[in-house]
Amino acid sequence: MTRIRAAAAATAALVLGAAVLTGCGIKSTGVIESGAAAKVVYPDPHTKGTVYFVTADDRLFPVPDRDQPSQSTAAILIKLLVGPGEEARAAGLETRLPPLDIKKQGAGAGTSMLSDDTIGVGLPFKVGTLSETARRQLVCTIASTEPNYKVVLLGPDADIGPARCELDQ
């Protein structure tokens, strides 16, 4: 008898549930086409000539230059200092570096070999006051062209480093 009562109670619950759902005012509809699912392609962070911009939660995001890959450290540095392009900004990417007036300050940026395993990055702005995220942007962008080297940031106020690109922070 217990099985019969349990079955009856389950059936009553189903009927009551169906009645409640049909009475909520939501009409059934057919399939609504809305296009293909969104695709997010996360680029390989080890692509040569990759600029690292920042997401809203301060994580580095690699943006390889597919049209004109920068193989030189000076060219990739300028791309970073100019900031994210329209497409990268639309995707929510930013920079933590100070704004750069390429006409006034561009000549002050460059790279040089400091030793057999260290690259110096000359910057036209103070590096001592940069956030850790901004420093990592610079180091990882330069390291994308020269992954076997340490990077020292050389500013008018201080020298920071040497450092290697740490993407897992």
Protein backbone atom coordinates (compact mmCIF):
# COMPACT_ATOMS: atom_id res chain seq x y z
CA MET A 1 0.00 0.00 0.00
CA THR A 2 2.92 2.37 0.67
CA ARG A 3 4.06 2.11 -2.95
CA ILE A 4 0.59 2.96 -4.19
CA ARG A 5 0.38 6.02 -1.93
CA ALA A 6 3.86 7.16 -3.02
CA ALA A 7 2.92 6.73 -6.70
CA ALA A 8 -0.32 8.62 -6.15
CA ALA A 9 1.49 11.45 -4.37
CA ALA A 10 4.08 11.69 -7.15
CA THR A 11 1.36 11.80 -9.80
CA ALA A 12 -0.53 14.48 -7.89
CA ALA A 13 2.66 16.54 -7.61
CA LEU A 14 3.29 16.28 -11.35
CA VAL A 15 -0.25 17.31 -12.20
CA LEU A 16 -0.12 20.22 -9.74
CA GLY A 17 3.29 21.29 -11.06
CA ALA A 18 2.05 21.20 -14.65
CA ALA A 19 -0.99 23.25 -13.68
CA VAL A 20 1.19 25.85 -11.94
CA LEU A 21 3.58 26.11 -14.89
CA THR A 22 0.84 26.47 -17.48
CA GLY A 23 -0.84 29.12 -15.40
CA CYS A 24 2.18 31.44 -15.16
CA GLY A 25 1.42 33.28 -18.38
CA ILE A 26 4.48 32.17 -20.33
CA LYS A 27 3.51 30.96 -23.75
CA SER A 28 5.57 28.36 -25.50
CA THR A 29 7.53 29.47 -28.55
CA GLY A 30 9.41 27.79 -31.33
CA VAL A 31 13.16 27.91 -31.85
CA ILE A 32 14.45 31.46 -32.28
CA GLU A 33 17.55 31.75 -34.48
CA SER A 34 20.08 34.28 -33.24
CA GLY A 35 23.23 33.43 -35.16
CA ALA A 36 26.33 31.46 -34.33
CA ALA A 37 27.72 31.17 -30.83
CA ALA A 38 30.37 33.70 -29.86
CA LYS A 39 33.96 32.60 -30.26
CA VAL A 40 36.81 33.90 -28.16
CA VAL A 41 40.26 33.13 -29.48
CA TYR A 42 42.95 33.38 -26.83
CA PRO A 43 46.23 33.95 -28.66
CA ASP A 44 49.35 31.98 -27.90
CA PRO A 45 51.34 34.13 -25.45
CA HIS A 46 54.61 32.88 -26.96
CA THR A 47 54.00 34.42 -30.42
CA LYS A 48 56.89 36.66 -31.40
CA GLY A 49 55.88 40.30 -31.52
CA THR A 50 53.10 40.18 -28.96
CA VAL A 51 51.89 43.29 -27.17
CA TYR A 52 50.45 42.76 -23.69
CA PHE A 53 47.47 44.88 -22.80
CA VAL A 54 45.38 44.61 -19.64
CA THR A 55 41.87 43.35 -18.90
CA ALA A 56 39.56 45.21 -16.50
CA ASP A 57 40.69 42.91 -13.66
CA ASP A 58 44.41 43.74 -14.22
CA ARG A 59 45.38 40.53 -16.01
CA LEU A 60 47.76 40.66 -18.95
CA PHE A 61 46.24 39.68 -22.28
CA PRO A 62 48.46 38.94 -25.31
CA VAL A 63 47.63 40.68 -28.58
CA PRO A 64 49.83 39.46 -31.43
CA ASP A 65 50.14 41.75 -34.42
CA ARG A 66 48.82 39.56 -37.21
CA ASP A 67 49.15 42.12 -40.02
CA GLN A 68 52.72 43.22 -39.43
CA PRO A 69 54.39 41.07 -36.78
CA SER A 70 57.05 43.07 -34.96
CA GLN A 71 60.22 41.11 -34.68
CA SER A 72 62.33 43.93 -33.21
CA THR A 73 62.12 45.03 -29.60
CA ALA A 74 62.00 48.73 -30.57
CA ALA A 75 59.03 48.26 -32.92
CA ILE A 76 57.01 46.21 -30.42
CA LEU A 77 57.81 48.72 -27.66
CA ILE A 78 56.37 51.58 -29.73
CA LYS A 79 53.20 49.54 -30.39
CA LEU A 80 52.77 49.02 -26.65
CA LEU A 81 53.41 52.67 -25.81
CA VAL A 82 50.89 53.89 -28.40
CA GLY A 83 48.24 51.82 -26.59
CA PRO A 84 45.46 49.49 -27.65
CA GLY A 85 43.87 50.03 -31.04
CA GLU A 86 40.18 50.40 -31.71
CA GLU A 87 39.52 46.65 -31.91
CA ALA A 88 41.40 45.92 -28.67
CA ARG A 89 39.60 48.75 -26.84
CA ALA A 90 36.26 47.44 -28.10
CA ALA A 91 37.20 44.07 -26.58
CA GLY A 92 37.76 45.77 -23.20
CA LEU A 93 41.56 45.90 -23.27
CA GLU A 94 43.44 48.80 -21.72
CA THR A 95 46.94 49.84 -20.75
CA ARG A 96 48.33 50.82 -17.36
CA LEU A 97 51.11 52.88 -18.94
CA PRO A 98 50.97 56.67 -19.01
CA PRO A 99 49.69 58.27 -22.24
CA LEU A 100 52.41 58.78 -24.80
CA ASP A 101 52.69 61.65 -27.24
CA ILE A 102 54.63 59.85 -29.95
CA LYS A 103 55.70 63.16 -31.58
CA LYS A 104 57.22 64.48 -28.35
CA GLN A 105 58.29 61.35 -26.49
CA GLY A 106 58.65 58.64 -29.14
CA ALA A 107 62.32 59.34 -29.71
CA GLY A 108 62.95 58.82 -26.00
CA ALA A 109 61.90 55.15 -26.13
CA GLY A 110 64.24 52.41 -27.25
CA THR A 111 66.12 49.28 -26.33
CA SER A 112 69.76 48.35 -25.87
CA MET A 113 71.77 45.34 -24.74
CA LEU A 114 73.06 45.84 -21.20
CA SER A 115 74.83 42.48 -20.95
CA ASP A 116 74.84 39.06 -22.58
CA ASP A 117 71.47 38.19 -21.04
CA THR A 118 69.83 41.57 -20.28
CA ILE A 119 68.00 44.11 -22.43
CA GLY A 120 67.54 47.70 -21.27
CA VAL A 121 64.30 49.46 -22.21
CA GLY A 122 64.66 53.23 -22.24
CA LEU A 123 61.36 54.93 -21.47
CA PRO A 124 60.39 58.62 -21.71
CA PHE A 125 58.42 58.56 -18.46
CA LYS A 126 59.09 57.77 -14.80
CA VAL A 127 59.26 54.02 -14.15
CA GLY A 128 59.54 54.17 -10.36
CA THR A 129 55.88 55.11 -10.00
CA LEU A 130 54.52 52.53 -12.46
CA SER A 131 52.16 49.89 -11.11
CA GLU A 132 53.29 46.28 -11.03
CA THR A 133 50.85 45.57 -13.88
CA ALA A 134 52.37 48.33 -16.03
CA ARG A 135 55.86 46.98 -15.38
CA ARG A 136 54.74 43.48 -16.34
CA GLN A 137 53.17 44.88 -19.54
CA LEU A 138 56.53 46.31 -20.53
CA VAL A 139 58.61 43.28 -19.53
CA CYS A 140 56.34 40.71 -21.20
CA THR A 141 55.99 42.74 -24.40
CA ILE A 142 59.77 43.07 -24.74
CA ALA A 143 60.25 39.41 -23.78
CA SER A 144 57.91 38.39 -26.61
CA THR A 145 60.67 39.31 -29.08
CA GLU A 146 63.58 38.19 -26.88
CA PRO A 147 62.32 35.45 -24.51
CA ASN A 148 65.78 34.39 -23.30
CA TYR A 149 66.67 37.82 -21.92
CA LYS A 150 65.97 39.63 -18.68
CA VAL A 151 64.53 43.14 -19.00
CA VAL A 152 65.55 46.31 -17.14
CA LEU A 153 63.23 49.32 -17.35
CA LEU A 154 65.28 52.52 -17.69
CA GLY A 155 63.43 55.72 -16.86
CA PRO A 156 64.50 59.28 -16.16
CA ASP A 157 63.90 58.64 -12.44
CA ALA A 158 65.08 55.06 -11.83
CA ASP A 159 66.10 51.71 -13.25
CA ILE A 160 63.79 48.79 -12.41
CA GLY A 161 64.80 45.15 -12.84
CA PRO A 162 66.13 42.94 -14.19
CA ALA A 163 62.94 40.91 -14.56
CA ARG A 164 61.56 38.08 -16.65
CA CYS A 165 58.02 37.78 -17.97
CA GLU A 166 55.81 35.97 -15.45
CA LEU A 167 52.44 35.31 -17.06
CA ASP A 168 50.97 33.19 -14.26
CA GLN A 169 50.67 36.03 -11.75
